[in-house]
Amino acid sequence: MNPKNSTHHIVIIGGGPGGYEAALAGRQLGAQVTLVERQGVGGAAVLTDVVPSKTLIATATAAEEVRTAFSLGINVGGQSADVSVDLASVNSRLLDLAKSQSNEMLESLTKAGVRVINGTGKLDGNHAVIVEVEGSAPERLEAKTIVLAVGARPRTLPSAEPDGVRILTWTQLYNLKELPEHMVVVGSGVTGAEFASAYLSLGCKVTLVSSRDYVLPGEDQDAAVLIEDVFRRRGMNILKQSRADKVEATATGVKVHLQDGSVVEGSHCLMAVGSIPNTENLGLEEAGVSVAPSGHIIANRVARTSRANVYAVGDCTDFYPLASVASMQGRTAVFHTMGDVAVPTQKRNIASNVFTSPEIASVGWSENEIQDGLVKGEIQKILLTTNPRAKMQGIKDGFIKLFASTGSRTVIGGVVVGPSASELIYPIAIAVENRLTVDELAATYTVYPSITGTIGEAARALHDPNLD
């Protein structure tokens, strides 16, 4: 700890990944740190979003692996599809895991010397926070630096108000005691696609309602086409260019009314139509903190807002809504305000993942951007069906793409589609972050047999002999 910083008081509103990392970074640099969180340390990411959803997805993946084990010569109950899921037990486990993770994070903060207040915070100008705790008088905290990490919540529609029983947001799924007979998912972005994939693997009938031309419109198009094909082969009904006008609950299920007049009936409906930042009634306007029309706080690449001593991180900002980004922003914000080395966040270097089955991971420039001429690059795509390890594991769907800058042959991006793509993207992300060339990437040994061997193969294919 640095004693000279002990008078630097940092007040953090929100204890999700961004607020948590900001608090630890502040204590590491010797600041006095107070963190205000109304829900529990970890915030929505740990308690109702990332941790429970990815635990559910992990369970769904395990169920899918049991079903496909039959094709590898493993007899499971005599039939490849003999898999039953106890959803009540699954949800109980994931909620316990989320609570345990939250408690561990609280212990880490307490051990580090962070004061944690279970309450709500609001700006009182740009140098103070008013904290309200149930049953106590409001407390005013003076602060040299304020970090806003208030997150976001599911967007809801007046014509499809969630009731927590039949019409659900993703935070309400974990109250289900039985596997839905037919889950209708409205929204084909990352959240909608992930849950549609998970419930399909768990054994539900699934209908995915998409207002777009294809599922996952923000992802690599080859990956989106592959995912659609996999979904359909596994029995999912995908309704593209279909917009839900209204969702109503019935005595036994739901009716999803589409814009074209048709109706989709199911047992449950998940509304996955985006999120809204929790920035209302936060005192932003009075404090002079600029906000986008969407309600997101405008923050620069070191997470600083329009007020020099106020920083904003995570889903409440106009930056990438990823837990990993929030964590990095939290650390960067504190490093910057404390005068430590603060590396501005480069959007191009952020690796992201869609936890469908198979997963989709990407980093850097995209193929569309290369084709549109925004950057000059070469593209190499190799299907996983050619990979020895993939053949051994029975992997039939997936590919690896690598993008190299024309001329310098620097790695500028990549896409991985396949099991554990979230892990496999890391070497490509390292190459992008450190501006490695395809030759430098190719010169790194890979294990044989391994899926990463295809990354090396793609790098070798992008070698330019004219540069020797």
Protein backbone atom coordinates (compact mmCIF):
# COMPACT_ATOMS: atom_id res chain seq x y z
CA MET A 1 0.00 0.00 0.00
CA ASN A 2 1.11 3.56 -0.69
CA PRO A 3 0.53 5.69 2.43
CA LYS A 4 0.63 8.95 0.46
CA ASN A 5 -2.59 7.90 -1.29
CA SER A 6 -4.49 7.11 1.93
CA THR A 7 -6.39 10.44 1.75
CA HIS A 8 -7.59 9.70 -1.79
CA HIS A 9 -11.16 8.52 -1.22
CA ILE A 10 -12.73 6.56 -4.07
CA VAL A 11 -16.47 5.91 -3.87
CA ILE A 12 -17.81 3.24 -6.19
CA ILE A 13 -21.51 2.82 -6.93
CA GLY A 14 -22.12 -0.74 -8.07
CA GLY A 15 -20.32 -3.94 -7.10
CA GLY A 16 -20.38 -5.89 -10.36
CA PRO A 17 -17.17 -6.93 -12.16
CA GLY A 18 -16.22 -3.32 -12.92
CA GLY A 19 -16.86 -1.95 -9.44
CA TYR A 20 -15.24 -4.96 -7.80
CA GLU A 21 -12.02 -4.66 -9.80
CA ALA A 22 -11.95 -0.89 -9.31
CA ALA A 23 -12.19 -1.37 -5.54
CA LEU A 24 -9.35 -3.89 -5.41
CA ALA A 25 -7.17 -1.71 -7.65
CA GLY A 26 -7.84 1.29 -5.42
CA ARG A 27 -6.75 -0.55 -2.31
CA GLN A 28 -3.71 -1.95 -4.11
CA LEU A 29 -2.62 1.63 -4.80
CA GLY A 30 -3.31 2.74 -1.23
CA ALA A 31 -6.57 4.66 -1.62
CA GLN A 32 -9.45 4.69 0.83
CA VAL A 33 -12.27 2.84 -0.96
CA THR A 34 -16.00 2.66 -0.29
CA LEU A 35 -18.20 0.45 -2.47
CA VAL A 36 -21.99 0.81 -2.48
CA GLU A 37 -23.99 -2.16 -3.82
CA ARG A 38 -27.73 -2.75 -3.40
CA GLN A 39 -28.01 -6.35 -4.66
CA GLY A 40 -24.89 -8.09 -3.43
CA VAL A 41 -21.23 -8.01 -4.44
CA GLY A 42 -20.89 -9.24 -7.98
CA GLY A 43 -24.04 -7.42 -8.99
CA ALA A 44 -26.29 -8.73 -11.74
CA ALA A 45 -23.35 -10.31 -13.56
CA VAL A 46 -22.75 -12.77 -10.73
CA LEU A 47 -26.21 -13.10 -9.20
CA THR A 48 -28.65 -13.03 -12.13
CA ASP A 49 -26.75 -12.86 -15.40
CA VAL A 50 -23.32 -14.16 -16.40
CA VAL A 51 -22.59 -16.71 -13.66
CA PRO A 52 -26.03 -18.39 -13.57
CA SER A 53 -26.54 -18.26 -17.34
CA LYS A 54 -23.13 -19.73 -18.15
CA THR A 55 -23.65 -22.39 -15.47
CA LEU A 56 -26.96 -23.30 -17.12
CA ILE A 57 -25.19 -23.40 -20.48
CA ALA A 58 -22.44 -25.63 -19.07
CA THR A 59 -25.11 -28.05 -17.86
CA ALA A 60 -26.80 -27.97 -21.26
CA THR A 61 -23.45 -28.66 -22.93
CA ALA A 62 -22.93 -31.67 -20.67
CA ALA A 63 -26.38 -32.98 -21.60
CA GLU A 64 -25.60 -32.57 -25.29
CA GLU A 65 -22.28 -34.38 -24.88
CA VAL A 66 -24.04 -37.32 -23.25
CA ARG A 67 -26.46 -37.53 -26.18
CA THR A 68 -23.69 -37.40 -28.77
CA ALA A 69 -21.53 -39.93 -26.89
CA PHE A 70 -23.54 -42.64 -28.69
CA SER A 71 -21.84 -41.67 -31.96
CA LEU A 72 -18.44 -42.33 -30.34
CA GLY A 73 -19.41 -45.88 -29.41
CA ILE A 74 -20.55 -45.13 -25.86
CA ASN A 75 -23.87 -46.71 -24.92
CA VAL A 76 -25.94 -44.48 -22.62
CA GLY A 77 -29.04 -46.33 -21.48
CA GLY A 78 -29.34 -48.03 -24.83
CA GLN A 79 -30.33 -44.85 -26.70
CA SER A 80 -28.34 -41.77 -27.67
CA ALA A 81 -31.15 -39.47 -26.55
CA ASP A 82 -31.87 -41.01 -23.15
CA VAL A 83 -31.02 -37.90 -21.11
CA SER A 84 -33.33 -36.38 -18.50
CA VAL A 85 -32.77 -33.02 -16.84
CA ASP A 86 -33.93 -32.09 -13.33
CA LEU A 87 -34.28 -28.35 -13.89
CA ALA A 88 -35.12 -27.62 -10.24
CA SER A 89 -31.79 -29.17 -9.20
CA VAL A 90 -29.95 -27.41 -12.02
CA ASN A 91 -31.34 -24.02 -11.03
CA SER A 92 -30.73 -24.65 -7.33
CA ARG A 93 -27.10 -25.49 -8.06
CA LEU A 94 -26.48 -22.44 -10.25
CA LEU A 95 -28.07 -20.05 -7.75
CA ASP A 96 -25.99 -21.57 -4.94
CA LEU A 97 -22.89 -21.17 -7.09
CA ALA A 98 -23.76 -17.54 -7.83
CA LYS A 99 -24.33 -16.81 -4.13
CA SER A 100 -21.07 -18.53 -3.22
CA GLN A 101 -19.19 -16.48 -5.83
CA SER A 102 -20.74 -13.29 -4.47
CA ASN A 103 -19.71 -14.18 -0.92
CA GLU A 104 -16.16 -14.94 -2.01
CA MET A 105 -15.94 -11.57 -3.73
CA LEU A 106 -17.25 -9.84 -0.60
CA GLU A 107 -14.61 -11.62 1.48
CA SER A 108 -11.90 -10.48 -0.94
CA LEU A 109 -13.04 -6.86 -0.68
CA THR A 110 -13.28 -6.99 3.10
CA LYS A 111 -9.86 -8.58 3.38
CA ALA A 112 -8.42 -5.85 1.14
CA GLY A 113 -9.85 -3.16 3.42
CA VAL A 114 -12.72 -1.95 1.25
CA ARG A 115 -15.74 -0.57 3.08
CA VAL A 116 -18.80 -2.26 1.54
CA ILE A 117 -22.22 -0.69 2.10
CA ASN A 118 -25.38 -2.62 1.26
CA GLY A 119 -27.49 0.19 -0.10
CA THR A 120 -28.07 2.56 -3.00
CA GLY A 121 -25.94 5.50 -4.08
CA LYS A 122 -26.67 8.73 -5.91
CA LEU A 123 -24.41 11.57 -6.99
CA ASP A 124 -24.57 14.78 -5.01
CA GLY A 125 -22.64 16.92 -7.43
CA ASN A 126 -19.43 15.42 -8.76
CA HIS A 127 -17.53 15.16 -5.48
CA ALA A 128 -20.01 13.40 -3.20
CA VAL A 129 -22.37 10.44 -3.06
CA ILE A 130 -25.56 10.17 -1.03
CA VAL A 131 -25.96 6.62 0.28
CA GLU A 132 -29.28 5.25 1.44
CA VAL A 133 -29.47 2.11 3.55
CA GLU A 134 -32.83 0.71 4.57
CA GLY A 135 -33.63 1.61 8.15
CA SER A 136 -30.88 4.22 8.42
CA ALA A 137 -30.51 7.91 7.75
CA PRO A 138 -28.85 8.86 4.43
CA GLU A 139 -25.07 9.22 4.56
CA ARG A 140 -23.11 11.74 2.47
CA LEU A 141 -19.69 10.52 1.35
CA GLU A 142 -17.13 13.03 0.12
CA ALA A 143 -14.99 11.58 -2.66
CA LYS A 144 -11.98 12.64 -4.68
CA THR A 145 -12.94 10.08 -7.34
CA ILE A 146 -16.30 8.50 -8.10
CA VAL A 147 -16.68 5.35 -10.18
CA LEU A 148 -20.11 4.52 -11.58
CA ALA A 149 -20.64 0.80 -12.17
CA VAL A 150 -24.42 0.53 -11.94
CA GLY A 151 -24.93 -2.00 -14.75
CA ALA A 152 -28.08 -2.64 -16.77
CA ARG A 153 -31.31 -4.62 -16.61
CA PRO A 154 -33.42 -6.52 -19.15
CA ARG A 155 -35.45 -4.36 -21.49
CA THR A 156 -39.18 -5.08 -21.34
CA LEU A 157 -42.04 -4.25 -23.70
CA PRO A 158 -45.47 -2.96 -22.61
CA SER A 159 -47.09 -5.52 -24.91
CA ALA A 160 -45.14 -8.38 -23.35
CA GLU A 161 -44.82 -7.58 -19.67
CA PRO A 162 -42.93 -10.37 -17.84
CA ASP A 163 -44.95 -12.12 -15.12
CA GLY A 164 -42.10 -14.33 -13.90
CA VAL A 165 -44.22 -17.43 -14.54
CA ARG A 166 -44.89 -17.76 -18.26
CA ILE A 167 -43.39 -14.58 -19.74
CA LEU A 168 -39.83 -14.25 -18.51
CA THR A 169 -36.72 -12.12 -18.64
CA TRP A 170 -33.37 -13.87 -18.38
CA THR A 171 -33.17 -12.95 -14.69
CA GLN A 172 -36.38 -14.90 -13.98
CA LEU A 173 -35.51 -18.18 -15.68
CA TYR A 174 -33.93 -19.64 -12.56
CA ASN A 175 -37.25 -19.81 -10.71
CA LEU A 176 -38.49 -22.55 -13.05
CA LYS A 177 -38.95 -25.92 -11.36
CA GLU A 178 -39.65 -27.98 -14.46
CA LEU A 179 -38.22 -27.98 -17.95
CA PRO A 180 -40.45 -25.96 -20.29
CA GLU A 181 -42.32 -28.07 -22.82
CA HIS A 182 -41.90 -25.40 -25.51
CA MET A 183 -39.76 -22.31 -24.98
CA VAL A 184 -40.41 -19.41 -27.36
CA VAL A 185 -37.43 -17.06 -27.40
CA VAL A 186 -38.06 -13.55 -28.71
CA GLY A 187 -34.81 -11.95 -29.84
CA SER A 188 -31.92 -13.50 -31.76
CA GLY A 189 -29.01 -11.47 -30.43
CA VAL A 190 -26.38 -12.99 -28.17
CA THR A 191 -28.68 -13.49 -25.16
CA GLY A 192 -31.54 -14.96 -27.18
CA ALA A 193 -29.28 -17.28 -29.16
CA GLU A 194 -27.46 -18.49 -26.05
CA PHE A 195 -30.61 -19.39 -24.14
CA ALA A 196 -32.29 -20.88 -27.21
CA SER A 197 -29.23 -23.09 -27.66
CA ALA A 198 -29.14 -24.03 -23.97
CA TYR A 199 -32.81 -25.00 -23.67
CA LEU A 200 -32.59 -26.95 -26.91
CA SER A 201 -29.68 -28.95 -25.47
CA LEU A 202 -31.56 -29.44 -22.20
CA GLY A 203 -34.33 -31.16 -24.16
CA CYS A 204 -36.92 -28.43 -24.75
CA LYS A 205 -38.78 -27.72 -27.92
CA VAL A 206 -37.55 -24.24 -28.92
CA THR A 207 -38.85 -21.59 -31.30
CA LEU A 208 -36.59 -18.61 -31.91
CA VAL A 209 -38.30 -15.44 -33.15
CA SER A 210 -35.87 -13.14 -34.98
CA SER A 211 -36.68 -9.78 -36.51
CA ARG A 212 -33.44 -9.92 -38.51
CA ASP A 213 -32.31 -11.66 -41.68
CA TYR A 214 -30.29 -14.16 -39.70
CA VAL A 215 -29.53 -15.16 -36.13
CA LEU A 216 -26.70 -13.28 -34.37
CA PRO A 217 -26.60 -10.35 -36.82
CA GLY A 218 -23.64 -8.78 -35.05
CA GLU A 219 -21.38 -11.81 -35.46
CA ASP A 220 -19.30 -13.21 -38.31
CA GLN A 221 -21.78 -14.14 -41.04
CA ASP A 222 -20.27 -17.58 -41.71
CA ALA A 223 -20.58 -18.29 -37.99
CA ALA A 224 -24.21 -17.12 -37.92
CA VAL A 225 -25.10 -19.29 -40.92
CA LEU A 226 -23.42 -22.30 -39.30
CA ILE A 227 -25.25 -21.75 -36.00
CA GLU A 228 -28.59 -21.52 -37.79
CA ASP A 229 -27.83 -24.78 -39.59
CA VAL A 230 -26.88 -26.52 -36.34
CA PHE A 231 -29.96 -25.18 -34.56
CA ARG A 232 -32.27 -26.44 -37.29
CA ARG A 233 -30.60 -29.86 -37.46
CA ARG A 234 -31.17 -30.22 -33.73
CA GLY A 235 -34.85 -29.43 -34.12
CA MET A 236 -35.14 -25.68 -33.42
CA ASN A 237 -37.81 -23.72 -35.25
CA ILE A 238 -36.31 -20.39 -36.41
CA LEU A 239 -38.66 -17.64 -37.58
CA LYS A 240 -36.59 -14.99 -39.35
CA GLN A 241 -37.81 -11.51 -40.29
CA SER A 242 -40.56 -12.00 -37.74
CA ARG A 243 -41.37 -9.36 -35.16
CA ALA A 244 -43.35 -10.10 -31.99
CA ASP A 245 -46.14 -7.55 -31.51
CA LYS A 246 -47.60 -8.97 -28.32
CA VAL A 247 -47.11 -11.82 -25.88
CA GLU A 248 -49.94 -12.98 -23.65
CA ALA A 249 -49.99 -15.59 -20.93
CA THR A 250 -52.76 -18.17 -20.92
CA ALA A 251 -53.82 -20.68 -18.30
CA THR A 252 -51.45 -23.28 -19.74
CA GLY A 253 -48.83 -21.34 -21.69
CA VAL A 254 -48.21 -18.32 -23.89
CA LYS A 255 -49.33 -16.91 -27.21
CA VAL A 256 -46.78 -14.87 -29.15
CA HIS A 257 -48.53 -12.68 -31.71
CA LEU A 258 -46.33 -11.82 -34.68
CA GLN A 259 -46.53 -8.73 -36.85
CA ASP A 260 -47.74 -10.76 -39.84
CA GLY A 261 -50.81 -11.88 -37.88
CA SER A 262 -49.61 -15.39 -37.08
CA VAL A 263 -49.47 -16.75 -33.55
CA VAL A 264 -46.85 -19.00 -31.97
CA GLU A 265 -48.04 -20.98 -28.97
CA GLY A 266 -45.68 -22.35 -26.36
CA SER A 267 -45.44 -23.17 -22.68
CA HIS A 268 -43.10 -20.27 -21.85
CA CYS A 269 -41.67 -17.17 -23.51
CA LEU A 270 -38.27 -15.63 -22.90
CA MET A 271 -38.02 -11.97 -23.84
CA ALA A 272 -34.44 -11.26 -24.94
CA VAL A 273 -34.85 -7.84 -26.53
CA GLY A 274 -31.87 -5.98 -25.14
CA SER A 275 -31.04 -4.16 -21.93
CA ILE A 276 -31.43 -0.73 -20.35
CA PRO A 277 -28.70 1.00 -18.30
CA ASN A 278 -29.51 1.64 -14.64
CA THR A 279 -28.77 5.35 -14.90
CA GLU A 280 -32.10 6.89 -13.92
CA ASN A 281 -32.27 8.95 -10.74
CA LEU A 282 -28.50 8.77 -10.36
CA GLY A 283 -27.99 12.55 -10.32
CA LEU A 284 -26.00 12.51 -13.56
CA GLU A 285 -27.46 15.64 -15.10
CA GLU A 286 -27.05 17.66 -11.92
CA ALA A 287 -23.44 16.49 -11.66
CA GLY A 288 -22.69 17.44 -15.26
CA VAL A 289 -22.07 13.89 -16.46
CA SER A 290 -22.91 13.49 -20.16
CA VAL A 291 -25.34 10.76 -21.14
CA ALA A 292 -26.21 9.34 -24.57
CA PRO A 293 -29.86 9.43 -25.78
CA SER A 294 -30.04 5.72 -24.89
CA GLY A 295 -29.32 6.53 -21.25
CA HIS A 296 -25.78 5.14 -21.36
CA ILE A 297 -23.04 7.18 -19.72
CA ILE A 298 -20.49 8.48 -22.21
CA ALA A 299 -16.99 7.38 -21.18
CA ASN A 300 -13.66 7.59 -22.97
CA ARG A 301 -11.02 4.88 -23.37
CA VAL A 302 -9.78 5.28 -19.79
CA ALA A 303 -13.43 5.21 -18.54
CA ARG A 304 -13.48 8.93 -17.76
CA THR A 305 -16.76 10.82 -18.17
CA SER A 306 -17.33 14.49 -19.00
CA ARG A 307 -16.45 15.26 -15.36
CA ALA A 308 -12.75 14.70 -14.78
CA ASN A 309 -13.10 12.95 -11.43
CA VAL A 310 -16.11 10.81 -12.35
CA TYR A 311 -15.53 7.52 -14.16
CA ALA A 312 -18.05 5.01 -15.53
CA VAL A 313 -17.50 1.35 -16.31
CA GLY A 314 -19.46 -1.66 -17.55
CA ASP A 315 -22.93 -2.01 -19.02
CA CYS A 316 -24.07 1.45 -17.91
CA THR A 317 -21.62 3.01 -20.39
CA ASP A 318 -21.64 3.34 -24.16
CA PHE A 319 -18.76 0.86 -24.39
CA TYR A 320 -18.88 -2.93 -24.93
CA PRO A 321 -21.36 -4.68 -22.55
CA LEU A 322 -19.02 -7.47 -21.50
CA ALA A 323 -18.04 -8.50 -17.97
CA SER A 324 -14.39 -8.79 -19.03
CA VAL A 325 -14.48 -5.25 -20.42
CA ALA A 326 -16.12 -3.93 -17.24
CA SER A 327 -13.34 -5.50 -15.16
CA MET A 328 -10.64 -3.97 -17.33
CA GLN A 329 -12.38 -0.59 -17.32
CA GLY A 330 -12.61 -0.68 -13.53
CA ARG A 331 -8.88 -1.24 -13.15
CA THR A 332 -8.03 1.30 -15.86
CA ALA A 333 -10.22 3.98 -14.27
CA VAL A 334 -8.49 3.64 -10.91
CA PHE A 335 -5.00 3.41 -12.41
CA HIS A 336 -5.75 6.62 -14.31
CA THR A 337 -7.15 8.60 -11.40
CA MET A 338 -4.29 7.44 -9.13
CA GLY A 339 -1.59 8.38 -11.62
CA ASP A 340 -0.53 4.81 -12.30
CA VAL A 341 0.02 3.33 -15.77
CA ALA A 342 -3.40 3.28 -17.45
CA VAL A 343 -3.54 1.69 -20.88
CA PRO A 344 -6.51 3.04 -22.87
CA THR A 345 -8.90 0.29 -23.91
CA GLN A 346 -8.61 -0.65 -27.58
CA LYS A 347 -11.95 -1.93 -28.86
CA ARG A 348 -10.23 -3.87 -31.61
CA ASN A 349 -8.32 -5.93 -29.05
CA ILE A 350 -11.36 -7.09 -27.10
CA ALA A 351 -12.11 -10.80 -27.44
CA SER A 352 -15.78 -11.75 -27.16
CA ASN A 353 -17.68 -15.02 -27.12
CA VAL A 354 -21.18 -16.28 -27.78
CA PHE A 355 -21.88 -19.30 -25.57
CA THR A 356 -24.03 -21.20 -28.03
CA SER A 357 -23.32 -24.81 -28.97
CA PRO A 358 -20.93 -24.58 -30.75
CA GLU A 359 -19.43 -21.39 -29.31
CA ILE A 360 -18.45 -18.38 -31.44
CA ALA A 361 -15.43 -16.30 -30.41
CA SER A 362 -13.94 -13.32 -32.21
CA VAL A 363 -11.35 -10.59 -31.84
CA GLY A 364 -10.04 -7.70 -33.91
CA TRP A 365 -11.21 -6.62 -37.35
CA SER A 366 -14.03 -8.59 -38.96
CA GLU A 367 -14.28 -10.16 -42.41
CA ASN A 368 -17.05 -7.71 -43.34
CA GLU A 369 -14.79 -4.78 -42.49
CA ILE A 370 -12.03 -6.23 -44.65
CA GLN A 371 -14.42 -6.80 -47.55
CA ASP A 372 -15.83 -3.28 -47.16
CA GLY A 373 -12.31 -1.86 -47.48
CA LEU A 374 -12.09 -0.41 -43.97
CA VAL A 375 -8.80 -2.25 -43.57
CA LYS A 376 -6.65 -4.16 -46.04
CA GLY A 377 -6.40 -7.77 -45.01
CA GLU A 378 -6.10 -11.37 -46.13
CA ILE A 379 -8.46 -14.10 -44.88
CA GLN A 380 -7.75 -17.76 -44.17
CA LYS A 381 -10.56 -20.11 -43.13
CA ILE A 382 -10.05 -23.76 -42.18
CA LEU A 383 -12.87 -26.12 -41.24
CA LEU A 384 -12.45 -28.13 -38.05
CA THR A 385 -13.50 -31.28 -39.91
CA THR A 386 -9.90 -31.35 -41.21
CA ASN A 387 -8.42 -31.21 -37.69
CA PRO A 388 -7.22 -34.59 -36.26
CA ARG A 389 -8.25 -33.79 -32.68
CA ALA A 390 -11.69 -32.64 -33.84
CA LYS A 391 -12.14 -35.94 -35.69
CA MET A 392 -11.20 -37.86 -32.54
CA GLN A 393 -13.75 -35.91 -30.50
CA GLY A 394 -16.49 -36.25 -33.10
CA ILE A 395 -16.63 -32.49 -33.77
CA LYS A 396 -18.49 -31.94 -37.03
CA ASP A 397 -19.26 -28.22 -36.93
CA GLY A 398 -16.83 -25.36 -36.66
CA PHE A 399 -13.98 -23.46 -38.24
CA ILE A 400 -11.09 -21.13 -37.54
CA LYS A 401 -10.54 -17.89 -39.44
CA LEU A 402 -7.42 -15.78 -39.24
CA PHE A 403 -7.06 -12.28 -40.69
CA ALA A 404 -3.67 -10.76 -41.59
CA SER A 405 -2.83 -7.25 -42.67
CA THR A 406 -1.91 -7.04 -46.34
CA GLY A 407 1.78 -6.26 -46.62
CA SER A 408 2.99 -6.45 -43.01
CA ARG A 409 1.21 -9.77 -42.38
CA THR A 410 0.33 -8.64 -38.85
CA VAL A 411 -2.52 -10.61 -37.26
CA ILE A 412 -5.45 -8.19 -37.18
CA GLY A 413 -8.30 -10.49 -36.16
CA GLY A 414 -9.85 -13.90 -36.11
CA VAL A 415 -12.92 -16.02 -35.49
CA VAL A 416 -13.22 -19.42 -33.85
CA VAL A 417 -16.39 -21.52 -34.05
CA GLY A 418 -16.39 -24.76 -32.11
CA PRO A 419 -16.41 -26.27 -28.61
CA SER A 420 -14.50 -24.08 -26.12
CA ALA A 421 -14.02 -21.30 -28.67
CA SER A 422 -13.84 -18.94 -25.68
CA GLU A 423 -10.55 -20.63 -24.74
CA LEU A 424 -9.23 -21.08 -28.27
CA ILE A 425 -9.53 -17.38 -29.17
CA TYR A 426 -6.88 -16.46 -26.59
CA PRO A 427 -3.75 -17.09 -28.74
CA ILE A 428 -5.29 -15.04 -31.54
CA ALA A 429 -6.14 -12.25 -29.07
CA ILE A 430 -2.54 -12.28 -27.84
CA ALA A 431 -1.34 -11.97 -31.43
CA VAL A 432 -3.70 -9.04 -32.08
CA GLU A 433 -2.81 -7.27 -28.82
CA ASN A 434 0.93 -7.61 -29.41
CA ARG A 435 0.86 -7.07 -33.17
CA LEU A 436 2.46 -10.41 -33.96
CA THR A 437 2.89 -11.42 -37.58
CA VAL A 438 1.43 -14.64 -38.95
CA ASP A 439 5.00 -15.95 -39.24
CA GLU A 440 5.62 -15.29 -35.54
CA LEU A 441 2.34 -17.02 -34.68
CA ALA A 442 3.19 -19.95 -36.97
CA ALA A 443 6.61 -20.31 -35.36
CA THR A 444 4.99 -21.02 -31.98
CA TYR A 445 4.72 -24.74 -31.31
CA THR A 446 1.28 -26.30 -30.92
CA VAL A 447 0.48 -29.67 -29.39
CA TYR A 448 -0.33 -32.51 -31.76
CA PRO A 449 -3.14 -33.35 -31.92
CA SER A 450 -4.92 -30.19 -30.80
CA ILE A 451 -7.56 -27.79 -32.06
CA THR A 452 -5.03 -24.97 -31.70
CA GLY A 453 -3.01 -26.76 -34.37
CA THR A 454 -5.48 -25.32 -36.89
CA ILE A 455 -4.61 -21.80 -35.71
CA GLY A 456 -0.99 -22.53 -36.55
CA GLU A 457 -2.06 -24.03 -39.87
CA ALA A 458 -4.03 -20.88 -40.76
CA ALA A 459 -1.04 -18.72 -39.82
CA ARG A 460 1.26 -20.78 -42.05
CA ALA A 461 -1.19 -20.49 -44.93
CA LEU A 462 -1.04 -16.68 -44.66
CA HIS A 463 2.75 -16.62 -45.03
CA ASP A 464 3.91 -14.35 -47.86
CA PRO A 465 7.11 -15.70 -49.44
CA ASN A 466 7.72 -12.30 -51.04
CA LEU A 467 8.47 -10.88 -47.61
CA ASP A 468 11.34 -13.27 -46.93
